[in-house]
Amino acid sequence: MNQNGISQLNWNSLRQKLNWIKWLEKQKKDNPALHDYWAVHSCNGCQQLDDTLCWCNLLKLPATYNQDLTESFGITGMPCGGEKFERLAKLTHDSEILNLKIQK
């Protein structure tokens, strides 16, 4: 088992969404520090992210699982390595909202 509580053998199961959800919920109760480590992702703002489940809908993997980083070093990473990050198309800045109001 690596320092972050997951052996490489577990990933065969945890790459499946239902198993990931069950494991994450169990860790939230049994080991909050482990849950918090694996539930914090770098995918904020990506339209492929299901934030409540910490899941990448595009690659169908946990949002903290990266094949190279997680399997080799036991650390979190973006499933796509940032290559397929798709920013949400929503207004987030006051000036953009103001510009829309002015144009109407």
Protein backbone atom coordinates (compact mmCIF):
# COMPACT_ATOMS: atom_id res chain seq x y z
CA MET A 1 0.00 0.00 0.00
CA ASN A 2 1.34 3.44 -0.84
CA GLN A 3 1.50 6.39 1.53
CA ASN A 4 -1.93 7.64 0.45
CA GLY A 5 -3.80 4.49 1.41
CA ILE A 6 -4.43 2.85 -1.95
CA SER A 7 -2.59 -0.14 -3.29
CA GLN A 8 -2.14 -0.40 -7.03
CA LEU A 9 -4.34 -3.50 -7.01
CA ASN A 10 -7.35 -1.50 -5.83
CA TRP A 11 -7.39 0.71 -8.92
CA ASN A 12 -8.80 -2.05 -11.10
CA SER A 13 -11.95 -1.80 -9.01
CA LEU A 14 -11.88 1.92 -8.16
CA ARG A 15 -11.82 2.97 -11.82
CA GLN A 16 -15.45 1.85 -11.96
CA LYS A 17 -17.83 4.64 -10.98
CA LEU A 18 -20.04 2.75 -8.54
CA ASN A 19 -17.02 1.28 -6.74
CA TRP A 20 -15.39 4.72 -6.59
CA ILE A 21 -18.51 6.30 -5.07
CA LYS A 22 -18.84 3.54 -2.45
CA TRP A 23 -15.15 3.72 -1.58
CA LEU A 24 -15.20 7.52 -1.28
CA GLU A 25 -18.31 7.45 0.95
CA LYS A 26 -16.75 4.77 3.16
CA GLN A 27 -13.56 6.79 3.54
CA LYS A 28 -15.56 9.89 4.45
CA LYS A 29 -16.86 8.01 7.51
CA ASP A 30 -13.91 5.76 8.33
CA ASN A 31 -10.92 7.86 7.32
CA PRO A 32 -11.75 11.54 6.63
CA ALA A 33 -8.14 12.49 5.91
CA LEU A 34 -7.89 9.82 3.21
CA HIS A 35 -11.26 10.92 1.78
CA ASP A 36 -10.18 14.55 1.71
CA TYR A 37 -6.93 13.70 -0.06
CA TRP A 38 -8.63 11.73 -2.86
CA ALA A 39 -11.70 13.99 -3.17
CA VAL A 40 -9.73 17.17 -3.93
CA HIS A 41 -9.12 17.48 -7.66
CA SER A 42 -7.62 19.97 -10.11
CA CYS A 43 -10.57 19.89 -12.50
CA ASN A 44 -12.44 22.92 -11.15
CA GLY A 45 -14.19 24.71 -13.98
CA CYS A 46 -14.09 21.76 -16.40
CA GLN A 47 -17.45 20.91 -17.94
CA GLN A 48 -16.58 17.19 -17.80
CA LEU A 49 -16.40 17.18 -14.00
CA ASP A 50 -19.11 15.77 -11.77
CA ASP A 51 -17.93 17.61 -8.69
CA THR A 52 -20.24 15.89 -6.21
CA LEU A 53 -18.78 12.50 -7.12
CA CYS A 54 -15.25 13.70 -7.94
CA TRP A 55 -15.67 12.01 -11.34
CA CYS A 56 -14.52 12.80 -14.89
CA ASN A 57 -17.47 12.11 -17.21
CA LEU A 58 -15.31 12.31 -20.33
CA LEU A 59 -12.76 9.66 -19.41
CA LYS A 60 -15.06 7.87 -16.97
CA LEU A 61 -12.50 7.88 -14.17
CA PRO A 62 -12.16 9.38 -10.70
CA ALA A 63 -11.20 13.04 -11.10
CA THR A 64 -8.10 12.43 -8.97
CA TYR A 65 -6.88 9.38 -10.90
CA ASN A 66 -4.08 9.80 -13.42
CA GLN A 67 -2.72 6.57 -14.89
CA ASP A 68 0.90 7.64 -14.60
CA LEU A 69 0.93 9.62 -11.35
CA THR A 70 -1.51 7.55 -9.36
CA GLU A 71 -0.38 4.09 -10.40
CA SER A 72 3.35 4.88 -10.24
CA PHE A 73 3.60 7.27 -7.31
CA GLY A 74 0.28 6.99 -5.45
CA ILE A 75 -0.54 10.67 -5.87
CA THR A 76 -3.49 12.48 -7.40
CA GLY A 77 -3.61 13.93 -10.87
CA MET A 78 -6.10 14.94 -13.53
CA PRO A 79 -7.33 11.92 -15.50
CA CYS A 80 -6.56 13.72 -18.78
CA GLY A 81 -3.39 15.35 -17.49
CA GLY A 82 -5.02 18.67 -18.39
CA GLU A 83 -5.05 17.88 -22.11
CA LYS A 84 -8.83 17.57 -22.40
CA PHE A 85 -9.79 20.27 -19.88
CA GLU A 86 -12.90 22.04 -21.17
CA ARG A 87 -13.76 25.25 -19.39
CA LEU A 88 -17.37 25.73 -18.44
CA ALA A 89 -19.07 28.27 -20.65
CA LYS A 90 -20.60 30.48 -17.99
CA LEU A 91 -20.27 34.11 -17.06
CA THR A 92 -18.06 34.52 -14.05
CA HIS A 93 -16.86 38.09 -14.25
CA ASP A 94 -18.89 41.20 -13.47
CA SER A 95 -17.59 43.05 -16.53
CA GLU A 96 -18.86 40.29 -18.85
CA ILE A 97 -22.30 40.54 -17.27
CA LEU A 98 -22.22 44.32 -17.53
CA ASN A 99 -21.22 44.16 -21.21
CA LEU A 100 -24.19 41.90 -21.96
CA LYS A 101 -26.58 44.33 -20.26
CA ILE A 102 -25.16 47.25 -22.22
CA GLN A 103 -25.46 45.44 -25.56
CA LYS A 104 -29.18 44.66 -25.07
